[in-house]
Structures are given as structure tokens and as C-alpha cells.
Amino acid sequence: MMDRIKNKLERVYIHDRAIVETDCIGEGTRIWAFAHILKGAQVGKNCNICDHTFIEGNVVIGNNVTIKSGAYLWDGLRIEDNVFIGPNATFTNDIRPRSKVYPAEFINTHIRKGASIGANATVLGGITLGQWAMVGAGSVVTKDVSDYVLVYGAPAKLQGYICECCKNIVFKNSLAECVCGKAYQLKKSGLVRIK
């Protein structure tokens, strides 16, 4: 068993000054100085965990995720593939915190595939950020964010729609085509990629 764990972690870069207490780390992941990852945390393949990050034990991180310096990921956070978390992004997992008073279970927060969170943004617990959504730097996200939506401000509000390639989507009626060739339709349920 220990040989299997050792072989798996040999295909991961862990800086000498990082503390990694979990063996659930995917190949090609890089963990930099002063990062601390607790036992039980799951980190996917080809992730980049930058300096001074902290990841609790009940956190699940997908593949190709970038977590910039100073981000702290608390229990209950679920991050899908290709997510970007900017420097000092803040997450919460307890809506009514008190010192030394712990809930029976922390609430889950979901960051869906391809979403990006700007530097110093705050995401309240229990929220879902949709696929390819983008949260502007310094924003305070207090409610769910739909797929392909750009939000910013305090509280964060809808400011437009954004393509997977990060360009703004401009509509003619309910249809839009990005310069990259992807096409979208705005429906009552939200923005849907159609091509």
C-alpha cells in the first residue's frame, strides 16, 4: 500500500516547504511553497496549487484547476474541472458562525466546470457558480450564478454573458455567436451553448 502511494506522489511536484497530508492527488499536479492540504482532500490531475493556500479535508478539486496564492478552501467546497480561483479569493461554509460552535455539517458550495473567480472575490457558502461563469475581482457573491454569466460588484450582479473563450457575448434577439465560432441561445432557463 505504501509503495503505491509513494509511486503516485512521485508523479506530483510538491515543494519542500509545502505540507501535504493527503495521498489523493492526481498526476501532474504542482503544489508550491507554504501550501497546506489536509488529509482527506481530493485534488485532481494537472492542478496548480500556488503558495500560501490552505485546503481542508472535505474539499474535492477536479482536473486542470488553478488555485492562486492566498486562497483558502474550506470543508464542503466542490470544484469541477478547468476552474480558476484568483489570489485571495474567499469562501465560506457556515452562514451563522460563532467561535468554538460548529455545525453538524458544513454547507456545500459548488464551482462548476470552467468557472473563474477573480482576485479577492468572496463567495458565500451554499452557492453554485455555473459552468464557464466569471466573477469579477473584489465581488461579493451572495446567490447562485448561472452558466456563462459575468457578475461583479458588491453584491455581485449580472453584468453580461461570457463565452468559454472569455469574450463577451452580444445577442441579436435570443441568439448570439462569439468571434471564436461558439453559438448560444438565451432561454428562460438561462444561456445554452448550441454550437
N, C-alpha and C. Protein backbone atom coordinates (compact mmCIF):
# COMPACT_ATOMS: atom_id res chain seq x y z
N MET A 1 0.83 -1.20 0.00
CA MET A 1 0.00 0.00 0.00
C MET A 1 0.87 1.26 0.00
N MET A 2 1.85 1.33 0.88
CA MET A 2 2.71 2.50 0.96
C MET A 2 3.50 2.69 -0.33
N ASP A 3 3.92 1.58 -1.00
CA ASP A 3 4.63 1.71 -2.27
C ASP A 3 3.75 2.35 -3.33
N ARG A 4 2.45 1.98 -3.36
CA ARG A 4 1.52 2.55 -4.34
C ARG A 4 1.37 4.05 -4.10
N ILE A 5 1.22 4.44 -2.84
CA ILE A 5 1.08 5.86 -2.50
C ILE A 5 2.35 6.62 -2.88
N LYS A 6 3.51 6.05 -2.56
CA LYS A 6 4.79 6.69 -2.86
C LYS A 6 4.94 6.88 -4.37
N ASN A 7 4.64 5.83 -5.15
CA ASN A 7 4.76 5.93 -6.61
C ASN A 7 3.83 6.99 -7.18
N LYS A 8 2.59 7.06 -6.66
CA LYS A 8 1.63 8.05 -7.15
C LYS A 8 2.13 9.46 -6.86
N LEU A 9 2.62 9.72 -5.66
CA LEU A 9 3.07 11.05 -5.29
C LEU A 9 4.38 11.43 -5.97
N GLU A 10 5.14 10.46 -6.48
CA GLU A 10 6.35 10.78 -7.22
C GLU A 10 6.03 11.47 -8.55
N ARG A 11 4.80 11.29 -9.06
CA ARG A 11 4.39 11.92 -10.32
C ARG A 11 3.70 13.26 -10.06
N VAL A 12 3.88 13.79 -8.86
CA VAL A 12 3.33 15.07 -8.44
C VAL A 12 4.49 15.91 -7.94
N TYR A 13 4.47 17.22 -8.26
CA TYR A 13 5.51 18.09 -7.72
C TYR A 13 4.99 18.70 -6.42
N ILE A 14 5.72 18.46 -5.33
CA ILE A 14 5.39 19.04 -4.03
C ILE A 14 6.62 19.78 -3.53
N HIS A 15 6.50 21.08 -3.39
CA HIS A 15 7.61 21.89 -2.91
C HIS A 15 8.03 21.43 -1.52
N ASP A 16 9.30 21.52 -1.22
CA ASP A 16 9.82 21.09 0.08
C ASP A 16 9.16 21.80 1.26
N ARG A 17 8.65 22.99 1.05
CA ARG A 17 8.04 23.75 2.14
C ARG A 17 6.52 23.68 2.14
N ALA A 18 5.96 22.77 1.39
CA ALA A 18 4.51 22.54 1.42
C ALA A 18 4.22 21.42 2.42
N ILE A 19 3.02 21.43 3.01
CA ILE A 19 2.58 20.35 3.89
C ILE A 19 1.40 19.68 3.21
N VAL A 20 1.60 18.41 2.82
CA VAL A 20 0.56 17.66 2.12
C VAL A 20 0.26 16.41 2.94
N GLU A 21 -0.95 16.36 3.51
CA GLU A 21 -1.34 15.25 4.38
C GLU A 21 -2.25 14.24 3.69
N THR A 22 -2.60 14.49 2.42
CA THR A 22 -3.46 13.57 1.69
C THR A 22 -2.66 12.84 0.64
N ASP A 23 -3.12 11.65 0.27
CA ASP A 23 -2.48 10.93 -0.83
C ASP A 23 -3.37 10.94 -2.07
N CYS A 24 -4.46 11.69 -2.05
CA CYS A 24 -5.41 11.76 -3.17
C CYS A 24 -5.09 12.95 -4.06
N ILE A 25 -3.98 12.86 -4.76
CA ILE A 25 -3.53 13.94 -5.64
C ILE A 25 -3.24 13.34 -7.01
N GLY A 26 -3.83 13.93 -8.05
CA GLY A 26 -3.67 13.42 -9.40
C GLY A 26 -2.31 13.74 -10.00
N GLU A 27 -1.93 12.92 -10.98
CA GLU A 27 -0.65 13.09 -11.67
C GLU A 27 -0.54 14.46 -12.31
N GLY A 28 0.67 14.99 -12.32
CA GLY A 28 0.94 16.25 -12.98
C GLY A 28 0.58 17.47 -12.16
N THR A 29 0.04 17.29 -10.97
CA THR A 29 -0.32 18.42 -10.11
C THR A 29 0.93 19.01 -9.48
N ARG A 30 0.95 20.32 -9.35
CA ARG A 30 2.06 21.04 -8.74
C ARG A 30 1.57 21.76 -7.50
N ILE A 31 2.27 21.55 -6.39
CA ILE A 31 1.90 22.16 -5.11
C ILE A 31 3.11 22.96 -4.63
N TRP A 32 2.91 24.27 -4.47
CA TRP A 32 4.03 25.16 -4.22
C TRP A 32 4.23 25.45 -2.74
N ALA A 33 5.20 26.28 -2.42
CA ALA A 33 5.66 26.52 -1.05
C ALA A 33 4.54 27.06 -0.16
N PHE A 34 4.55 26.58 1.05
CA PHE A 34 3.66 27.03 2.13
C PHE A 34 2.20 26.70 1.89
N ALA A 35 1.91 25.86 0.91
CA ALA A 35 0.56 25.33 0.76
C ALA A 35 0.38 24.25 1.82
N HIS A 36 -0.85 24.12 2.33
CA HIS A 36 -1.16 23.09 3.33
C HIS A 36 -2.45 22.41 2.91
N ILE A 37 -2.36 21.09 2.66
CA ILE A 37 -3.51 20.31 2.22
C ILE A 37 -3.76 19.22 3.26
N LEU A 38 -4.96 19.23 3.86
CA LEU A 38 -5.28 18.30 4.93
C LEU A 38 -5.64 16.91 4.41
N LYS A 39 -5.51 15.93 5.28
CA LYS A 39 -5.88 14.55 4.99
C LYS A 39 -7.35 14.49 4.57
N GLY A 40 -7.62 13.72 3.52
CA GLY A 40 -8.98 13.54 3.03
C GLY A 40 -9.31 14.41 1.83
N ALA A 41 -8.57 15.50 1.64
CA ALA A 41 -8.81 16.36 0.48
C ALA A 41 -8.50 15.58 -0.79
N GLN A 42 -9.25 15.87 -1.85
CA GLN A 42 -9.03 15.22 -3.14
C GLN A 42 -8.69 16.29 -4.17
N VAL A 43 -7.53 16.11 -4.81
CA VAL A 43 -7.05 17.06 -5.80
C VAL A 43 -6.83 16.29 -7.10
N GLY A 44 -7.38 16.80 -8.21
CA GLY A 44 -7.31 16.11 -9.50
C GLY A 44 -5.96 16.23 -10.17
N LYS A 45 -5.94 15.85 -11.45
CA LYS A 45 -4.72 15.85 -12.26
C LYS A 45 -4.44 17.25 -12.80
N ASN A 46 -3.14 17.51 -13.00
CA ASN A 46 -2.67 18.73 -13.67
C ASN A 46 -3.18 20.02 -13.03
N CYS A 47 -3.30 20.01 -11.72
CA CYS A 47 -3.71 21.22 -11.00
C CYS A 47 -2.48 22.03 -10.62
N ASN A 48 -2.67 23.30 -10.36
CA ASN A 48 -1.61 24.17 -9.88
C ASN A 48 -2.08 24.82 -8.59
N ILE A 49 -1.50 24.40 -7.48
CA ILE A 49 -1.86 24.91 -6.15
C ILE A 49 -0.72 25.85 -5.73
N CYS A 50 -0.98 27.16 -5.77
CA CYS A 50 0.07 28.15 -5.55
C CYS A 50 0.41 28.35 -4.07
N ASP A 51 1.44 29.15 -3.84
CA ASP A 51 1.94 29.43 -2.49
C ASP A 51 0.84 29.92 -1.56
N HIS A 52 0.97 29.56 -0.30
CA HIS A 52 0.12 30.08 0.78
C HIS A 52 -1.36 29.76 0.58
N THR A 53 -1.66 28.58 0.09
CA THR A 53 -3.05 28.13 0.01
C THR A 53 -3.29 27.13 1.12
N PHE A 54 -4.57 27.00 1.51
CA PHE A 54 -4.96 26.05 2.55
C PHE A 54 -6.19 25.30 2.05
N ILE A 55 -6.15 23.97 2.13
CA ILE A 55 -7.26 23.15 1.64
C ILE A 55 -7.65 22.17 2.74
N GLU A 56 -8.91 22.29 3.23
CA GLU A 56 -9.38 21.39 4.28
C GLU A 56 -9.67 20.00 3.73
N GLY A 57 -9.94 19.06 4.64
CA GLY A 57 -10.06 17.65 4.30
C GLY A 57 -11.30 17.25 3.53
N ASN A 58 -12.39 18.01 3.62
CA ASN A 58 -13.61 17.67 2.90
C ASN A 58 -13.80 18.60 1.71
N VAL A 59 -12.73 18.71 0.90
CA VAL A 59 -12.74 19.51 -0.32
C VAL A 59 -12.42 18.59 -1.48
N VAL A 60 -13.16 18.75 -2.59
CA VAL A 60 -12.92 17.96 -3.79
C VAL A 60 -12.60 18.92 -4.93
N ILE A 61 -11.45 18.71 -5.56
CA ILE A 61 -10.98 19.56 -6.65
C ILE A 61 -10.80 18.70 -7.90
N GLY A 62 -11.37 19.14 -9.02
CA GLY A 62 -11.28 18.41 -10.28
C GLY A 62 -9.92 18.53 -10.94
N ASN A 63 -9.88 18.25 -12.24
CA ASN A 63 -8.65 18.29 -13.03
C ASN A 63 -8.43 19.68 -13.62
N ASN A 64 -7.16 20.02 -13.86
CA ASN A 64 -6.78 21.25 -14.55
C ASN A 64 -7.27 22.51 -13.82
N VAL A 65 -7.28 22.46 -12.52
CA VAL A 65 -7.74 23.60 -11.70
C VAL A 65 -6.53 24.43 -11.28
N THR A 66 -6.67 25.76 -11.34
CA THR A 66 -5.64 26.67 -10.86
C THR A 66 -6.15 27.38 -9.62
N ILE A 67 -5.38 27.27 -8.53
CA ILE A 67 -5.72 27.96 -7.29
C ILE A 67 -4.56 28.89 -6.96
N LYS A 68 -4.78 30.18 -7.09
CA LYS A 68 -3.71 31.14 -6.90
C LYS A 68 -3.44 31.39 -5.42
N SER A 69 -2.36 32.09 -5.16
CA SER A 69 -1.85 32.30 -3.80
C SER A 69 -2.89 32.95 -2.88
N GLY A 70 -2.89 32.49 -1.65
CA GLY A 70 -3.72 33.09 -0.61
C GLY A 70 -5.16 32.64 -0.58
N ALA A 71 -5.53 31.67 -1.41
CA ALA A 71 -6.92 31.16 -1.37
C ALA A 71 -7.02 30.05 -0.33
N TYR A 72 -8.10 30.09 0.46
CA TYR A 72 -8.35 29.08 1.48
C TYR A 72 -9.64 28.36 1.13
N LEU A 73 -9.56 27.05 1.00
CA LEU A 73 -10.71 26.24 0.59
C LEU A 73 -11.19 25.43 1.78
N TRP A 74 -12.41 25.73 2.23
CA TRP A 74 -12.96 25.14 3.45
C TRP A 74 -13.82 23.92 3.14
N ASP A 75 -14.05 23.09 4.16
CA ASP A 75 -14.87 21.88 4.03
C ASP A 75 -16.18 22.18 3.31
N GLY A 76 -16.56 21.27 2.41
CA GLY A 76 -17.81 21.40 1.68
C GLY A 76 -17.66 22.01 0.30
N LEU A 77 -16.48 22.46 -0.05
CA LEU A 77 -16.27 23.07 -1.36
C LEU A 77 -16.04 21.99 -2.41
N ARG A 78 -16.79 22.07 -3.51
CA ARG A 78 -16.69 21.13 -4.63
C ARG A 78 -16.34 21.91 -5.88
N ILE A 79 -15.18 21.62 -6.46
CA ILE A 79 -14.68 22.36 -7.60
C ILE A 79 -14.53 21.40 -8.78
N GLU A 80 -15.21 21.70 -9.88
CA GLU A 80 -15.14 20.84 -11.07
C GLU A 80 -13.89 21.19 -11.90
N ASP A 81 -13.75 20.54 -13.06
CA ASP A 81 -12.58 20.69 -13.92
C ASP A 81 -12.45 22.10 -14.49
N ASN A 82 -11.19 22.48 -14.77
CA ASN A 82 -10.85 23.70 -15.50
C ASN A 82 -11.30 24.99 -14.82
N VAL A 83 -11.36 24.99 -13.51
CA VAL A 83 -11.76 26.18 -12.74
C VAL A 83 -10.52 27.01 -12.41
N PHE A 84 -10.69 28.33 -12.41
CA PHE A 84 -9.65 29.26 -11.99
C PHE A 84 -10.12 29.98 -10.74
N ILE A 85 -9.29 29.94 -9.69
CA ILE A 85 -9.58 30.65 -8.45
C ILE A 85 -8.45 31.65 -8.24
N GLY A 86 -8.81 32.94 -8.28
CA GLY A 86 -7.82 34.01 -8.21
C GLY A 86 -7.21 34.19 -6.83
N PRO A 87 -6.16 35.03 -6.76
CA PRO A 87 -5.47 35.26 -5.50
C PRO A 87 -6.40 35.80 -4.42
N ASN A 88 -6.27 35.24 -3.25
CA ASN A 88 -7.01 35.68 -2.06
C ASN A 88 -8.52 35.58 -2.19
N ALA A 89 -9.01 34.75 -3.11
CA ALA A 89 -10.46 34.50 -3.18
C ALA A 89 -10.88 33.89 -1.85
N THR A 90 -12.07 34.28 -1.38
CA THR A 90 -12.54 33.86 -0.07
C THR A 90 -13.82 33.05 -0.20
N PHE A 91 -13.88 31.94 0.51
CA PHE A 91 -15.07 31.08 0.53
C PHE A 91 -15.54 30.95 1.97
N THR A 92 -16.84 30.76 2.15
CA THR A 92 -17.37 30.50 3.48
C THR A 92 -18.15 29.19 3.45
N ASN A 93 -18.32 28.57 4.60
CA ASN A 93 -19.09 27.32 4.66
C ASN A 93 -20.03 27.26 5.86
N ASP A 94 -20.21 28.37 6.53
CA ASP A 94 -21.07 28.43 7.70
C ASP A 94 -21.76 29.80 7.68
N ILE A 95 -23.07 29.83 7.51
CA ILE A 95 -23.78 31.09 7.35
C ILE A 95 -23.93 31.83 8.68
N ARG A 96 -23.88 31.09 9.79
CA ARG A 96 -24.02 31.72 11.11
C ARG A 96 -22.87 31.29 12.03
N PRO A 97 -21.67 31.73 11.74
CA PRO A 97 -20.51 31.27 12.51
C PRO A 97 -20.42 31.90 13.90
N ARG A 98 -19.98 31.10 14.83
CA ARG A 98 -19.63 31.56 16.18
C ARG A 98 -18.34 30.85 16.56
N SER A 99 -17.53 31.52 17.35
CA SER A 99 -16.29 30.92 17.81
C SER A 99 -16.57 29.67 18.64
N LYS A 100 -15.92 28.58 18.29
CA LYS A 100 -16.00 27.29 19.01
C LYS A 100 -17.37 26.63 18.93
N VAL A 101 -18.25 27.07 18.01
CA VAL A 101 -19.56 26.45 17.81
C VAL A 101 -19.56 25.94 16.37
N TYR A 102 -19.66 24.62 16.21
CA TYR A 102 -19.54 24.02 14.89
C TYR A 102 -20.85 23.37 14.47
N PRO A 103 -21.25 23.57 13.20
CA PRO A 103 -22.47 22.91 12.73
C PRO A 103 -22.23 21.40 12.61
N ALA A 104 -23.31 20.64 12.60
CA ALA A 104 -23.18 19.19 12.43
C ALA A 104 -22.54 18.86 11.08
N GLU A 105 -22.83 19.70 10.08
CA GLU A 105 -22.27 19.52 8.75
C GLU A 105 -22.15 20.88 8.08
N PHE A 106 -21.00 21.12 7.45
CA PHE A 106 -20.82 22.39 6.75
C PHE A 106 -21.56 22.35 5.42
N ILE A 107 -22.06 23.51 4.98
CA ILE A 107 -22.81 23.55 3.74
C ILE A 107 -21.87 23.45 2.54
N ASN A 108 -22.38 22.86 1.45
CA ASN A 108 -21.60 22.68 0.24
C ASN A 108 -21.71 23.89 -0.67
N THR A 109 -20.62 24.21 -1.30
CA THR A 109 -20.55 25.23 -2.33
C THR A 109 -20.00 24.54 -3.58
N HIS A 110 -20.63 24.80 -4.74
CA HIS A 110 -20.23 24.14 -5.99
C HIS A 110 -19.72 25.15 -6.99
N ILE A 111 -18.53 24.90 -7.50
CA ILE A 111 -17.96 25.71 -8.57
C ILE A 111 -17.91 24.79 -9.80
N ARG A 112 -18.75 25.09 -10.78
CA ARG A 112 -18.91 24.19 -11.93
C ARG A 112 -17.80 24.39 -12.97
N LYS A 113 -17.75 23.47 -13.89
CA LYS A 113 -16.71 23.37 -14.91
C LYS A 113 -16.42 24.72 -15.58
N GLY A 114 -15.12 25.07 -15.64
CA GLY A 114 -14.67 26.23 -16.38
C GLY A 114 -14.91 27.58 -15.74
N ALA A 115 -15.52 27.63 -14.57
CA ALA A 115 -15.81 28.92 -13.92
C ALA A 115 -14.51 29.61 -13.48
N SER A 116 -14.54 30.93 -13.42
CA SER A 116 -13.39 31.72 -12.97
C SER A 116 -13.83 32.69 -11.88
N ILE A 117 -13.00 32.79 -10.85
CA ILE A 117 -13.28 33.68 -9.72
C ILE A 117 -12.11 34.64 -9.60
N GLY A 118 -12.37 35.94 -9.69
CA GLY A 118 -11.32 36.94 -9.67
C GLY A 118 -10.71 37.13 -8.29
N ALA A 119 -9.60 37.84 -8.27
CA ALA A 119 -8.86 38.10 -7.04
C ALA A 119 -9.73 38.81 -6.01
N ASN A 120 -9.60 38.39 -4.77
CA ASN A 120 -10.28 39.00 -3.63
C ASN A 120 -11.80 38.90 -3.66
N ALA A 121 -12.35 38.07 -4.53
CA ALA A 121 -13.80 37.87 -4.53
C ALA A 121 -14.18 37.03 -3.32
N THR A 122 -15.40 37.24 -2.82
CA THR A 122 -15.94 36.46 -1.70
C THR A 122 -17.15 35.69 -2.20
N VAL A 123 -17.16 34.38 -1.94
CA VAL A 123 -18.27 33.52 -2.35
C VAL A 123 -18.89 32.95 -1.08
N LEU A 124 -20.16 33.31 -0.80
CA LEU A 124 -20.83 32.79 0.39
C LEU A 124 -21.13 31.31 0.25
N GLY A 125 -21.22 30.61 1.37
CA GLY A 125 -21.47 29.18 1.39
C GLY A 125 -22.85 28.83 0.85
N GLY A 126 -22.95 27.65 0.24
CA GLY A 126 -24.21 27.15 -0.27
C GLY A 126 -24.53 27.60 -1.68
N ILE A 127 -23.63 28.30 -2.30
CA ILE A 127 -23.86 28.86 -3.63
C ILE A 127 -23.33 27.91 -4.71
N THR A 128 -23.94 27.99 -5.91
CA THR A 128 -23.42 27.29 -7.08
C THR A 128 -23.04 28.33 -8.12
N LEU A 129 -21.79 28.25 -8.58
CA LEU A 129 -21.35 29.07 -9.71
C LEU A 129 -21.45 28.20 -10.94
N GLY A 130 -22.17 28.63 -11.95
CA GLY A 130 -22.43 27.84 -13.15
C GLY A 130 -21.21 27.63 -14.02
N GLN A 131 -21.38 26.75 -15.00
CA GLN A 131 -20.30 26.45 -15.94
C GLN A 131 -19.88 27.71 -16.68
N TRP A 132 -18.57 27.91 -16.77
CA TRP A 132 -17.95 29.00 -17.52
C TRP A 132 -18.39 30.38 -17.04
N ALA A 133 -18.99 30.46 -15.85
CA ALA A 133 -19.33 31.75 -15.26
C ALA A 133 -18.05 32.47 -14.87
N MET A 134 -18.14 33.79 -14.74
CA MET A 134 -16.98 34.57 -14.34
C MET A 134 -17.39 35.58 -13.29
N VAL A 135 -16.63 35.58 -12.18
CA VAL A 135 -16.85 36.50 -11.07
C VAL A 135 -15.72 37.52 -11.08
N GLY A 136 -16.06 38.80 -11.18
CA GLY A 136 -15.06 39.85 -11.22
C GLY A 136 -14.32 40.01 -9.91
N ALA A 137 -13.11 40.54 -9.99
CA ALA A 137 -12.27 40.76 -8.81
C ALA A 137 -13.00 41.63 -7.79
N GLY A 138 -12.87 41.27 -6.53
CA GLY A 138 -13.43 42.05 -5.44
C GLY A 138 -14.93 41.91 -5.24
N SER A 139 -15.57 41.04 -5.99
CA SER A 139 -17.02 40.88 -5.91
C SER A 139 -17.42 40.11 -4.65
N VAL A 140 -18.68 40.28 -4.25
CA VAL A 140 -19.25 39.52 -3.14
C VAL A 140 -20.45 38.76 -3.71
N VAL A 141 -20.29 37.44 -3.85
CA VAL A 141 -21.32 36.61 -4.47
C VAL A 141 -22.25 36.09 -3.37
N THR A 142 -23.51 36.53 -3.42
CA THR A 142 -24.47 36.20 -2.36
C THR A 142 -25.57 35.25 -2.84
N LYS A 143 -25.58 34.92 -4.15
CA LYS A 143 -26.58 33.99 -4.66
C LYS A 143 -26.01 33.24 -5.86
N ASP A 144 -26.71 32.19 -6.27
CA ASP A 144 -26.25 31.36 -7.38
C ASP A 144 -26.00 32.20 -8.62
N VAL A 145 -25.03 31.73 -9.43
CA VAL A 145 -24.68 32.39 -10.69
C VAL A 145 -24.89 31.36 -11.80
N SER A 146 -25.63 31.74 -12.84
CA SER A 146 -25.95 30.83 -13.94
C SER A 146 -24.75 30.59 -14.85
N ASP A 147 -24.87 29.60 -15.73
CA ASP A 147 -23.84 29.29 -16.72
C ASP A 147 -23.58 30.50 -17.61
N TYR A 148 -22.31 30.70 -17.99
CA TYR A 148 -21.89 31.72 -18.95
C TYR A 148 -22.22 33.15 -18.54
N VAL A 149 -22.41 33.40 -17.27
CA VAL A 149 -22.78 34.73 -16.79
C VAL A 149 -21.55 35.43 -16.21
N LEU A 150 -21.43 36.72 -16.51
CA LEU A 150 -20.41 37.57 -15.92
C LEU A 150 -21.07 38.38 -14.81
N VAL A 151 -20.54 38.26 -13.59
CA VAL A 151 -21.05 39.05 -12.47
C VAL A 151 -19.90 39.79 -11.81
N TYR A 152 -20.22 40.98 -11.29
CA TYR A 152 -19.26 41.68 -10.43
C TYR A 152 -20.01 42.72 -9.63
N GLY A 153 -19.32 43.19 -8.59
CA GLY A 153 -19.92 44.16 -7.69
C GLY A 153 -20.14 43.58 -6.31
N ALA A 154 -20.63 44.44 -5.40
CA ALA A 154 -20.90 44.01 -4.04
C ALA A 154 -22.27 44.53 -3.62
N PRO A 155 -23.31 43.70 -3.70
CA PRO A 155 -23.27 42.28 -4.08
C PRO A 155 -23.09 42.13 -5.60
N ALA A 156 -22.57 40.97 -6.00
CA ALA A 156 -22.34 40.69 -7.43
C ALA A 156 -23.67 40.65 -8.17
N LYS A 157 -23.70 41.31 -9.33
CA LYS A 157 -24.92 41.35 -10.15
C LYS A 157 -24.56 41.02 -11.58
N LEU A 158 -25.57 40.58 -12.33
CA LEU A 158 -25.41 40.27 -13.74
C LEU A 158 -24.91 41.50 -14.50
N GLN A 159 -23.78 41.32 -15.20
CA GLN A 159 -23.21 42.41 -15.98
C GLN A 159 -23.15 42.06 -17.46
N GLY A 160 -23.45 40.79 -17.79
CA GLY A 160 -23.40 40.35 -19.17
C GLY A 160 -23.19 38.85 -19.24
N TYR A 161 -22.92 38.40 -20.45
CA TYR A 161 -22.69 36.98 -20.70
C TYR A 161 -21.31 36.82 -21.31
N ILE A 162 -20.69 35.68 -21.01
CA ILE A 162 -19.30 35.48 -21.43
C ILE A 162 -19.13 34.10 -22.04
N CYS A 163 -18.38 34.05 -23.12
CA CYS A 163 -18.12 32.79 -23.84
C CYS A 163 -17.08 31.96 -23.09
N GLU A 164 -16.96 30.71 -23.46
CA GLU A 164 -15.92 29.85 -22.90
C GLU A 164 -14.53 30.40 -23.20
N CYS A 165 -14.41 31.16 -24.30
CA CYS A 165 -13.12 31.74 -24.69
C CYS A 165 -12.83 33.05 -23.96
N CYS A 166 -13.74 33.50 -23.10
CA CYS A 166 -13.63 34.71 -22.26
C CYS A 166 -14.01 36.00 -22.97
N LYS A 167 -14.55 35.94 -24.15
CA LYS A 167 -15.02 37.15 -24.82
C LYS A 167 -16.49 37.38 -24.44
N ASN A 168 -16.91 38.66 -24.43
CA ASN A 168 -18.30 38.99 -24.15
C ASN A 168 -19.19 38.47 -25.27
N ILE A 169 -20.37 38.01 -24.89
CA ILE A 169 -21.35 37.53 -25.86
C ILE A 169 -22.38 38.64 -26.07
N VAL A 170 -22.59 38.99 -27.34
CA VAL A 170 -23.57 40.02 -27.69
C VAL A 170 -24.70 39.36 -28.46
N PHE A 171 -25.93 39.67 -28.06
CA PHE A 171 -27.10 39.00 -28.62
C PHE A 171 -27.79 39.82 -29.70
N LYS A 172 -28.37 39.10 -30.65
CA LYS A 172 -29.35 39.63 -31.58
C LYS A 172 -30.59 38.81 -31.30
N ASN A 173 -31.58 39.43 -30.72
CA ASN A 173 -32.75 38.71 -30.19
C ASN A 173 -32.27 37.74 -29.13
N SER A 174 -32.55 36.45 -29.28
CA SER A 174 -32.12 35.50 -28.25
C SER A 174 -30.93 34.65 -28.69
N LEU A 175 -30.33 34.97 -29.85
CA LEU A 175 -29.20 34.20 -30.36
C LEU A 175 -27.93 35.03 -30.36
N ALA A 176 -26.80 34.34 -30.19
CA ALA A 176 -25.51 35.02 -30.22
C ALA A 176 -24.46 34.07 -30.77
N GLU A 177 -23.51 34.64 -31.50
CA GLU A 177 -22.36 33.86 -31.94
C GLU A 177 -21.11 34.64 -31.57
N CYS A 178 -20.21 33.97 -30.90
CA CYS A 178 -18.96 34.59 -30.48
C CYS A 178 -17.99 34.62 -31.67
N VAL A 179 -17.01 35.50 -31.61
CA VAL A 179 -15.99 35.55 -32.67
C VAL A 179 -15.20 34.26 -32.78
N CYS A 180 -15.20 33.46 -31.71
CA CYS A 180 -14.48 32.17 -31.74
C CYS A 180 -15.28 31.08 -32.46
N GLY A 181 -16.56 31.36 -32.77
CA GLY A 181 -17.38 30.40 -33.50
C GLY A 181 -18.42 29.68 -32.66
N LYS A 182 -18.32 29.78 -31.35
CA LYS A 182 -19.33 29.14 -30.50
C LYS A 182 -20.62 29.95 -30.56
N ALA A 183 -21.76 29.25 -30.57
CA ALA A 183 -23.06 29.92 -30.66
C ALA A 183 -23.89 29.59 -29.42
N TYR A 184 -24.73 30.55 -29.02
CA TYR A 184 -25.52 30.44 -27.81
C TYR A 184 -26.96 30.89 -28.06
N GLN A 185 -27.84 30.36 -27.21
CA GLN A 185 -29.23 30.81 -27.24
C GLN A 185 -29.65 31.13 -25.81
N LEU A 186 -30.29 32.28 -25.64
CA LEU A 186 -30.78 32.69 -24.33
C LEU A 186 -32.21 32.17 -24.17
N LYS A 187 -32.40 31.28 -23.20
CA LYS A 187 -33.72 30.71 -22.92
C LYS A 187 -34.16 31.15 -21.53
N LYS A 188 -35.39 30.86 -21.18
CA LYS A 188 -35.88 31.20 -19.84
C LYS A 188 -35.04 30.53 -18.75
N SER A 189 -34.53 29.34 -19.05
CA SER A 189 -33.72 28.59 -18.07
C SER A 189 -32.30 29.11 -17.98
N GLY A 190 -31.89 29.98 -18.91
CA GLY A 190 -30.54 30.53 -18.90
C GLY A 190 -29.89 30.40 -20.26
N LEU A 191 -28.61 30.69 -20.33
CA LEU A 191 -27.86 30.65 -21.58
C LEU A 191 -27.44 29.22 -21.89
N VAL A 192 -27.63 28.80 -23.14
CA VAL A 192 -27.31 27.44 -23.56
C VAL A 192 -26.41 27.52 -24.78
N ARG A 193 -25.33 26.75 -24.76
CA ARG A 193 -24.47 26.68 -25.94
C ARG A 193 -25.12 25.76 -26.96
N ILE A 194 -25.26 26.23 -28.21
CA ILE A 194 -25.91 25.41 -29.23
C ILE A 194 -24.94 24.97 -30.33
N LYS A 195 -23.72 25.55 -30.35
CA LYS A 195 -22.72 25.14 -31.34
C LYS A 195 -21.33 25.36 -30.79
